[in-house]
Protein backbone atom coordinates (compact mmCIF):
# COMPACT_ATOMS: atom_id res chain seq x y z
CA UNK A 1 49.19 -103.78 -29.13
CA UNK A 2 52.09 -103.94 -26.69
CA UNK A 3 50.86 -100.75 -24.99
CA UNK A 4 47.52 -102.42 -24.34
CA UNK A 5 49.25 -105.46 -22.83
CA UNK A 6 51.41 -103.24 -20.63
CA UNK A 7 48.34 -101.43 -19.28
CA UNK A 8 46.50 -104.69 -18.57
CA UNK A 9 49.56 -106.20 -16.88
CA UNK A 10 50.14 -103.15 -14.68
CA UNK A 11 46.50 -102.92 -13.59
CA UNK A 12 46.47 -106.69 -12.99
CA UNK A 13 49.36 -106.25 -10.56
CA UNK A 14 47.28 -103.72 -8.59
CA UNK A 15 44.29 -106.07 -8.53
CA UNK A 16 46.45 -109.07 -7.56
CA UNK A 17 47.90 -107.12 -4.64
CA UNK A 18 44.44 -106.06 -3.47
CA UNK A 19 43.06 -109.60 -3.74
CA UNK A 20 46.04 -111.05 -1.89
CA UNK A 21 45.62 -108.47 0.86
CA UNK A 22 41.95 -109.42 1.30
CA UNK A 23 42.89 -113.10 1.40
CA UNK A 24 45.55 -112.46 4.04
CA UNK A 25 43.32 -110.27 6.20
CA UNK A 26 40.36 -112.65 6.02
CA UNK A 27 42.62 -115.68 6.48
CA UNK A 28 44.12 -114.08 9.57
CA UNK A 29 40.66 -113.45 10.98
CA UNK A 30 39.47 -116.96 10.13
CA UNK A 31 42.55 -118.55 11.70
CA UNK A 32 43.04 -116.35 14.79
CA UNK A 33 39.47 -114.97 15.21
CA UNK A 34 41.01 -111.52 15.61
CA UNK A 35 41.27 -108.60 13.18
CA UNK A 36 44.45 -106.78 12.28
CA UNK A 37 44.66 -103.19 13.46
CA UNK A 38 43.04 -102.02 10.23
CA UNK A 39 43.07 -98.27 10.78
CA UNK A 40 46.65 -97.91 11.96
CA UNK A 41 49.74 -97.26 9.88
CA UNK A 42 52.46 -99.85 9.92
CA UNK A 43 55.49 -99.89 7.66
CA UNK A 44 54.81 -103.54 6.85
CA UNK A 45 51.31 -102.78 5.51
CA UNK A 46 52.60 -99.79 3.55
CA UNK A 47 55.37 -101.83 1.92
CA UNK A 48 52.94 -104.64 1.13
CA UNK A 49 50.73 -102.05 -0.58
CA UNK A 50 53.67 -101.12 -2.83
CA UNK A 51 55.06 -104.60 -3.62
CA UNK A 52 52.80 -105.61 -6.50
CA UNK A 53 52.78 -102.24 -8.31
CA UNK A 54 56.58 -102.20 -7.91
CA UNK A 55 56.79 -105.64 -9.50
CA UNK A 56 54.60 -104.33 -12.32
CA UNK A 57 56.93 -101.37 -12.76
CA UNK A 58 59.94 -103.68 -12.92
CA UNK A 59 58.20 -105.80 -15.55
CA UNK A 60 57.40 -102.63 -17.52
CA UNK A 61 61.08 -101.74 -17.70
CA UNK A 62 61.55 -104.89 -19.76
CA UNK A 63 59.17 -103.69 -22.47
CA UNK A 64 59.26 -99.90 -22.10
CA UNK A 65 62.87 -99.37 -21.06
CA UNK A 66 64.28 -97.42 -18.14
CA UNK A 67 62.43 -94.27 -19.17
CA UNK A 68 59.40 -95.64 -17.32
CA UNK A 69 61.36 -95.25 -14.05
CA UNK A 70 61.97 -91.58 -14.87
CA UNK A 71 58.26 -91.17 -15.62
CA UNK A 72 57.43 -92.82 -12.29
CA UNK A 73 59.69 -90.40 -10.41
CA UNK A 74 58.36 -87.35 -12.28
CA UNK A 75 54.74 -88.34 -11.67
CA UNK A 76 55.50 -89.09 -8.02
CA UNK A 77 57.14 -85.74 -7.36
CA UNK A 78 54.61 -83.70 -9.35
CA UNK A 79 51.62 -85.51 -7.86
CA UNK A 80 52.87 -85.03 -4.33
CA UNK A 81 53.70 -81.38 -4.99
CA UNK A 82 50.25 -80.73 -6.46
CA UNK A 83 48.62 -82.51 -3.53
CA UNK A 84 50.52 -80.22 -1.16
CA UNK A 85 49.69 -77.08 -3.14
CA UNK A 86 46.00 -77.94 -3.38
CA UNK A 87 45.87 -78.79 0.33
CA UNK A 88 47.60 -75.53 1.23
CA UNK A 89 45.38 -73.44 -1.09
CA UNK A 90 42.22 -75.05 0.30
CA UNK A 91 43.43 -74.36 3.84
CA UNK A 92 44.12 -70.70 3.00
CA UNK A 93 40.75 -70.18 1.27
CA UNK A 94 38.37 -72.20 3.45
CA UNK A 95 40.23 -72.05 6.75
CA UNK A 96 40.34 -75.77 7.44
CA UNK A 97 42.50 -78.57 6.14
CA UNK A 98 41.23 -80.66 3.26
CA UNK A 99 43.22 -83.66 4.52
CA UNK A 100 45.78 -84.35 7.19
CA UNK A 101 48.86 -86.52 7.22
CA UNK A 102 50.15 -87.89 10.49
CA UNK A 103 53.16 -89.88 9.25
CA UNK A 104 56.13 -88.32 7.49
CA UNK A 105 54.15 -85.23 6.57
CA UNK A 106 55.48 -82.37 4.48
CA UNK A 107 54.12 -79.19 6.11
CA UNK A 108 50.97 -81.17 7.08
CA UNK A 109 49.63 -80.88 3.51
CA UNK A 110 51.15 -84.01 1.97
CA UNK A 111 53.45 -86.86 2.93
CA UNK A 112 56.67 -88.46 1.76
CA UNK A 113 54.69 -91.71 1.66
CA UNK A 114 52.55 -90.26 -1.15
CA UNK A 115 55.40 -90.10 -3.66
CA UNK A 116 55.35 -93.77 -4.80
CA UNK A 117 51.56 -93.87 -4.82
CA UNK A 118 51.35 -90.80 -7.07
CA UNK A 119 54.08 -92.34 -9.22
CA UNK A 120 52.09 -95.53 -9.73
CA UNK A 121 48.90 -93.57 -10.48
CA UNK A 122 50.83 -91.50 -13.01
CA UNK A 123 52.13 -94.63 -14.72
CA UNK A 124 48.57 -95.93 -15.06
CA UNK A 125 47.54 -92.69 -16.77
CA UNK A 126 50.69 -92.72 -18.90
CA UNK A 127 49.94 -96.26 -20.08
CA UNK A 128 46.31 -95.36 -20.69
CA UNK A 129 47.41 -92.41 -22.83
CA UNK A 130 49.68 -94.75 -24.82
CA UNK A 131 46.72 -97.04 -25.52
CA UNK A 132 44.38 -94.24 -26.54
């Protein structure tokens, strides 16, 4: 039962972050009548994207222990490595890039910024596997 609660809590943190982002963006437009630069990378937007899943991960350490941090790091590194390998293989076979990374890229096939995102995605699948 606790595994189910952990999964719901972690996914709720993702949803809460997304809802808060929409509220902030729409509130900014309503107040200033001007949109943020939506299609441009800023460190502030990237960190805001990570805040709520990071809070969820910290809360998970209370119930799952510190091993969840190790799982996060393993998933982050493996996911980023697989993303790079798949991008490289696609480029070698097809002759064009599957995706491009302009910020902090690793050989143009993945990015250092992908590591925490893959880690959070891996934790979701880990928690889902615990429930099932």
